[in-house]
Amino acid sequence: MDVLKSLELSTEEEMQCIFAIEMLATKLEHPTGLFFNLLNNLCQSDVVSFPAAKAWKEDGKADNQRGKGVCVSSCHNLLVEMQMEYEEGENDMETN
């Protein structure tokens, strides 16, 4: 994942990564842990940021909804954890 980390993707490009793994998970009929593990690895490798994950979750375009509910449910706790870490980082930046 080091190669992906060095790309410096925009939020939109990061969202496209998430949509791609969502589409893969949906096509494979949501194998247990697939979407969560892929998203978690992308987040841990700093390829996908919380703002991109939040934008993906909140995206309401009809074209992006097939299988999305299952994916969102599978990573709910990860998204909450990412949000907490993101907000802590924002608070740390404000105090420095």
N, C-alpha and C. Protein backbone atom coordinates (compact mmCIF):
# COMPACT_ATOMS: atom_id res chain seq x y z
N MET A 1 0.81 -1.20 0.00
CA MET A 1 0.00 0.00 0.00
C MET A 1 0.86 1.27 0.00
N ASP A 2 2.16 1.15 0.19
CA ASP A 2 3.00 2.34 0.21
C ASP A 2 2.94 3.11 -1.11
N VAL A 3 2.77 2.40 -2.22
CA VAL A 3 2.67 3.06 -3.51
C VAL A 3 1.42 3.93 -3.55
N LEU A 4 0.29 3.41 -3.09
CA LEU A 4 -0.95 4.18 -3.07
C LEU A 4 -0.84 5.38 -2.14
N LYS A 5 -0.18 5.20 -1.01
CA LYS A 5 -0.05 6.28 -0.03
C LYS A 5 0.66 7.50 -0.63
N SER A 6 1.61 7.26 -1.51
CA SER A 6 2.39 8.35 -2.08
C SER A 6 1.66 9.10 -3.20
N LEU A 7 0.46 8.66 -3.58
CA LEU A 7 -0.26 9.29 -4.69
C LEU A 7 -0.89 10.63 -4.35
N GLU A 8 -1.19 10.87 -3.08
CA GLU A 8 -1.87 12.10 -2.67
C GLU A 8 -3.14 12.32 -3.46
N LEU A 9 -4.11 11.47 -3.21
CA LEU A 9 -5.39 11.52 -3.90
C LEU A 9 -6.25 12.65 -3.37
N SER A 10 -7.11 13.18 -4.23
CA SER A 10 -8.09 14.16 -3.80
C SER A 10 -9.22 13.43 -3.07
N THR A 11 -10.05 14.16 -2.37
CA THR A 11 -11.19 13.55 -1.68
C THR A 11 -12.07 12.80 -2.67
N GLU A 12 -12.29 13.36 -3.83
CA GLU A 12 -13.11 12.70 -4.86
C GLU A 12 -12.46 11.40 -5.30
N GLU A 13 -11.16 11.39 -5.49
CA GLU A 13 -10.46 10.17 -5.90
C GLU A 13 -10.48 9.12 -4.78
N GLU A 14 -10.37 9.56 -3.55
CA GLU A 14 -10.47 8.64 -2.42
C GLU A 14 -11.87 8.02 -2.38
N MET A 15 -12.89 8.85 -2.62
CA MET A 15 -14.27 8.33 -2.68
C MET A 15 -14.40 7.28 -3.77
N GLN A 16 -13.77 7.50 -4.91
CA GLN A 16 -13.85 6.54 -6.01
C GLN A 16 -13.22 5.21 -5.61
N CYS A 17 -12.19 5.25 -4.78
CA CYS A 17 -11.60 4.01 -4.25
C CYS A 17 -12.64 3.26 -3.41
N ILE A 18 -13.36 3.99 -2.59
CA ILE A 18 -14.38 3.36 -1.74
C ILE A 18 -15.51 2.82 -2.60
N PHE A 19 -15.95 3.59 -3.59
CA PHE A 19 -17.00 3.09 -4.49
C PHE A 19 -16.56 1.82 -5.20
N ALA A 20 -15.27 1.74 -5.55
CA ALA A 20 -14.76 0.55 -6.24
C ALA A 20 -14.82 -0.68 -5.34
N ILE A 21 -14.45 -0.53 -4.06
CA ILE A 21 -14.51 -1.71 -3.18
C ILE A 21 -15.96 -2.03 -2.82
N GLU A 22 -16.82 -1.00 -2.79
CA GLU A 22 -18.25 -1.24 -2.58
C GLU A 22 -18.81 -2.07 -3.74
N MET A 23 -18.44 -1.70 -4.96
CA MET A 23 -18.91 -2.41 -6.13
C MET A 23 -18.39 -3.86 -6.13
N LEU A 24 -17.14 -4.04 -5.75
CA LEU A 24 -16.56 -5.38 -5.67
C LEU A 24 -17.31 -6.23 -4.64
N ALA A 25 -17.52 -5.67 -3.44
CA ALA A 25 -18.23 -6.40 -2.39
C ALA A 25 -19.64 -6.77 -2.84
N THR A 26 -20.30 -5.85 -3.51
CA THR A 26 -21.66 -6.10 -3.99
C THR A 26 -21.66 -7.19 -5.06
N LYS A 27 -20.72 -7.10 -5.99
CA LYS A 27 -20.64 -8.10 -7.06
C LYS A 27 -20.39 -9.49 -6.50
N LEU A 28 -19.59 -9.57 -5.44
CA LEU A 28 -19.28 -10.87 -4.82
C LEU A 28 -20.32 -11.27 -3.77
N GLU A 29 -21.40 -10.49 -3.69
CA GLU A 29 -22.52 -10.74 -2.76
C GLU A 29 -22.10 -10.63 -1.30
N HIS A 30 -21.29 -9.65 -1.01
CA HIS A 30 -20.92 -9.24 0.34
C HIS A 30 -20.33 -10.35 1.20
N PRO A 31 -19.18 -10.91 0.80
CA PRO A 31 -18.52 -11.88 1.69
C PRO A 31 -18.22 -11.22 3.03
N THR A 32 -18.37 -11.97 4.08
CA THR A 32 -18.18 -11.45 5.42
C THR A 32 -16.81 -10.79 5.57
N GLY A 33 -16.82 -9.54 5.98
CA GLY A 33 -15.60 -8.82 6.29
C GLY A 33 -14.86 -8.23 5.10
N LEU A 34 -15.26 -8.53 3.88
CA LEU A 34 -14.51 -8.05 2.71
C LEU A 34 -14.46 -6.53 2.66
N PHE A 35 -15.62 -5.88 2.65
CA PHE A 35 -15.65 -4.43 2.53
C PHE A 35 -14.95 -3.78 3.72
N PHE A 36 -15.27 -4.24 4.91
CA PHE A 36 -14.67 -3.67 6.12
C PHE A 36 -13.14 -3.79 6.07
N ASN A 37 -12.64 -4.97 5.76
CA ASN A 37 -11.19 -5.18 5.76
C ASN A 37 -10.49 -4.34 4.71
N LEU A 38 -11.07 -4.26 3.51
CA LEU A 38 -10.46 -3.43 2.47
C LEU A 38 -10.46 -1.95 2.86
N LEU A 39 -11.60 -1.47 3.35
CA LEU A 39 -11.68 -0.06 3.75
C LEU A 39 -10.73 0.21 4.92
N ASN A 40 -10.71 -0.68 5.88
CA ASN A 40 -9.82 -0.51 7.03
C ASN A 40 -8.36 -0.44 6.59
N ASN A 41 -7.96 -1.32 5.67
CA ASN A 41 -6.58 -1.29 5.18
C ASN A 41 -6.27 0.01 4.45
N LEU A 42 -7.20 0.48 3.65
CA LEU A 42 -6.99 1.75 2.94
C LEU A 42 -6.88 2.92 3.92
N CYS A 43 -7.68 2.88 4.97
CA CYS A 43 -7.65 3.95 5.98
C CYS A 43 -6.36 3.88 6.80
N GLN A 44 -5.99 2.68 7.24
CA GLN A 44 -4.78 2.51 8.03
C GLN A 44 -3.53 2.89 7.24
N SER A 45 -3.60 2.73 5.94
CA SER A 45 -2.46 3.07 5.07
C SER A 45 -2.50 4.53 4.62
N ASP A 46 -3.44 5.30 5.15
CA ASP A 46 -3.59 6.71 4.81
C ASP A 46 -3.86 6.94 3.33
N VAL A 47 -4.54 5.99 2.70
CA VAL A 47 -4.95 6.15 1.31
C VAL A 47 -6.32 6.82 1.27
N VAL A 48 -7.18 6.47 2.23
CA VAL A 48 -8.53 7.03 2.32
C VAL A 48 -8.64 7.77 3.64
N SER A 49 -9.12 9.01 3.59
CA SER A 49 -9.27 9.85 4.77
C SER A 49 -10.71 9.83 5.28
N PHE A 50 -10.88 10.33 6.50
CA PHE A 50 -12.24 10.41 7.05
C PHE A 50 -13.14 11.30 6.21
N PRO A 51 -12.69 12.48 5.76
CA PRO A 51 -13.60 13.30 4.94
C PRO A 51 -14.10 12.56 3.70
N ALA A 52 -13.27 11.75 3.07
CA ALA A 52 -13.70 10.99 1.90
C ALA A 52 -14.68 9.89 2.30
N ALA A 53 -14.41 9.22 3.41
CA ALA A 53 -15.31 8.16 3.88
C ALA A 53 -16.67 8.75 4.26
N LYS A 54 -16.65 9.90 4.89
CA LYS A 54 -17.90 10.57 5.27
C LYS A 54 -18.67 10.98 4.02
N ALA A 55 -17.98 11.54 3.04
CA ALA A 55 -18.63 11.95 1.79
C ALA A 55 -19.21 10.74 1.07
N TRP A 56 -18.48 9.62 1.08
CA TRP A 56 -19.00 8.38 0.46
C TRP A 56 -20.29 7.95 1.16
N LYS A 57 -20.25 7.93 2.48
CA LYS A 57 -21.42 7.49 3.25
C LYS A 57 -22.62 8.38 2.97
N GLU A 58 -22.41 9.68 2.87
CA GLU A 58 -23.50 10.64 2.70
C GLU A 58 -23.93 10.80 1.25
N ASP A 59 -23.19 10.24 0.31
CA ASP A 59 -23.52 10.37 -1.10
C ASP A 59 -24.89 9.74 -1.37
N GLY A 60 -25.76 10.48 -1.99
CA GLY A 60 -27.12 10.00 -2.24
C GLY A 60 -27.44 9.75 -3.70
N LYS A 61 -26.45 9.79 -4.56
CA LYS A 61 -26.69 9.57 -5.99
C LYS A 61 -27.26 8.17 -6.20
N ALA A 62 -28.31 8.10 -6.97
CA ALA A 62 -29.00 6.82 -7.21
C ALA A 62 -28.06 5.77 -7.79
N ASP A 63 -27.13 6.18 -8.64
CA ASP A 63 -26.20 5.23 -9.26
C ASP A 63 -25.28 4.55 -8.26
N ASN A 64 -25.13 5.14 -7.09
CA ASN A 64 -24.18 4.63 -6.10
C ASN A 64 -24.84 3.88 -4.94
N GLN A 65 -26.11 3.54 -5.05
CA GLN A 65 -26.83 2.98 -3.92
C GLN A 65 -26.89 1.46 -3.87
N ARG A 66 -26.67 0.78 -4.98
CA ARG A 66 -26.79 -0.67 -5.00
C ARG A 66 -25.75 -1.30 -4.08
N GLY A 67 -26.21 -1.97 -3.02
CA GLY A 67 -25.33 -2.65 -2.08
C GLY A 67 -24.71 -1.75 -1.03
N LYS A 68 -25.00 -0.47 -1.12
CA LYS A 68 -24.36 0.48 -0.21
C LYS A 68 -24.76 0.27 1.24
N GLY A 69 -26.04 -0.02 1.48
CA GLY A 69 -26.51 -0.19 2.85
C GLY A 69 -25.75 -1.28 3.59
N VAL A 70 -25.50 -2.38 2.93
CA VAL A 70 -24.75 -3.48 3.55
C VAL A 70 -23.33 -3.03 3.86
N CYS A 71 -22.73 -2.30 2.93
CA CYS A 71 -21.36 -1.82 3.14
C CYS A 71 -21.30 -0.81 4.29
N VAL A 72 -22.23 0.11 4.33
CA VAL A 72 -22.26 1.11 5.41
C VAL A 72 -22.44 0.41 6.75
N SER A 73 -23.34 -0.55 6.81
CA SER A 73 -23.56 -1.29 8.06
C SER A 73 -22.31 -2.03 8.50
N SER A 74 -21.59 -2.60 7.54
CA SER A 74 -20.42 -3.41 7.89
C SER A 74 -19.28 -2.57 8.44
N CYS A 75 -19.26 -1.29 8.12
CA CYS A 75 -18.13 -0.46 8.56
C CYS A 75 -18.55 0.67 9.50
N HIS A 76 -19.74 0.58 10.06
CA HIS A 76 -20.24 1.65 10.94
C HIS A 76 -19.25 1.97 12.06
N ASN A 77 -18.79 0.95 12.76
CA ASN A 77 -17.87 1.19 13.88
C ASN A 77 -16.55 1.80 13.41
N LEU A 78 -16.08 1.37 12.25
CA LEU A 78 -14.85 1.93 11.68
C LEU A 78 -15.05 3.42 11.38
N LEU A 79 -16.19 3.78 10.82
CA LEU A 79 -16.46 5.18 10.51
C LEU A 79 -16.54 6.03 11.77
N VAL A 80 -17.13 5.48 12.82
CA VAL A 80 -17.20 6.20 14.11
C VAL A 80 -15.79 6.41 14.66
N GLU A 81 -14.98 5.37 14.61
CA GLU A 81 -13.60 5.46 15.09
C GLU A 81 -12.80 6.47 14.27
N MET A 82 -12.97 6.44 12.96
CA MET A 82 -12.29 7.41 12.10
C MET A 82 -12.70 8.84 12.43
N GLN A 83 -14.00 9.03 12.68
CA GLN A 83 -14.48 10.37 13.02
C GLN A 83 -13.86 10.85 14.32
N MET A 84 -13.79 9.98 15.31
CA MET A 84 -13.20 10.37 16.59
C MET A 84 -11.73 10.75 16.42
N GLU A 85 -10.99 9.95 15.67
CA GLU A 85 -9.57 10.24 15.42
C GLU A 85 -9.41 11.55 14.65
N TYR A 86 -10.28 11.76 13.68
CA TYR A 86 -10.22 12.98 12.86
C TYR A 86 -10.49 14.21 13.74
N GLU A 87 -11.51 14.12 14.58
CA GLU A 87 -11.84 15.25 15.45
C GLU A 87 -10.76 15.51 16.47
N GLU A 88 -10.12 14.45 17.00
CA GLU A 88 -9.00 14.63 17.92
C GLU A 88 -7.86 15.36 17.22
N GLY A 89 -7.59 14.97 15.98
CA GLY A 89 -6.53 15.63 15.22
C GLY A 89 -6.85 17.09 14.96
N GLU A 90 -8.11 17.37 14.66
CA GLU A 90 -8.54 18.76 14.46
C GLU A 90 -8.36 19.56 15.74
N ASN A 91 -8.74 18.97 16.89
CA ASN A 91 -8.60 19.66 18.17
C ASN A 91 -7.14 19.90 18.51
N ASP A 92 -6.29 18.91 18.21
CA ASP A 92 -4.85 19.06 18.47
C ASP A 92 -4.27 20.20 17.64
N MET A 93 -4.72 20.32 16.40
CA MET A 93 -4.24 21.39 15.53
C MET A 93 -4.67 22.76 16.03
N GLU A 94 -5.87 22.83 16.61
CA GLU A 94 -6.38 24.10 17.12
C GLU A 94 -5.63 24.54 18.37
N THR A 95 -5.19 23.60 19.19
CA THR A 95 -4.50 23.96 20.43
C THR A 95 -3.03 24.25 20.22
N ASN A 96 -2.49 23.88 19.08
CA ASN A 96 -1.06 24.16 18.80
C ASN A 96 -0.89 25.44 18.03
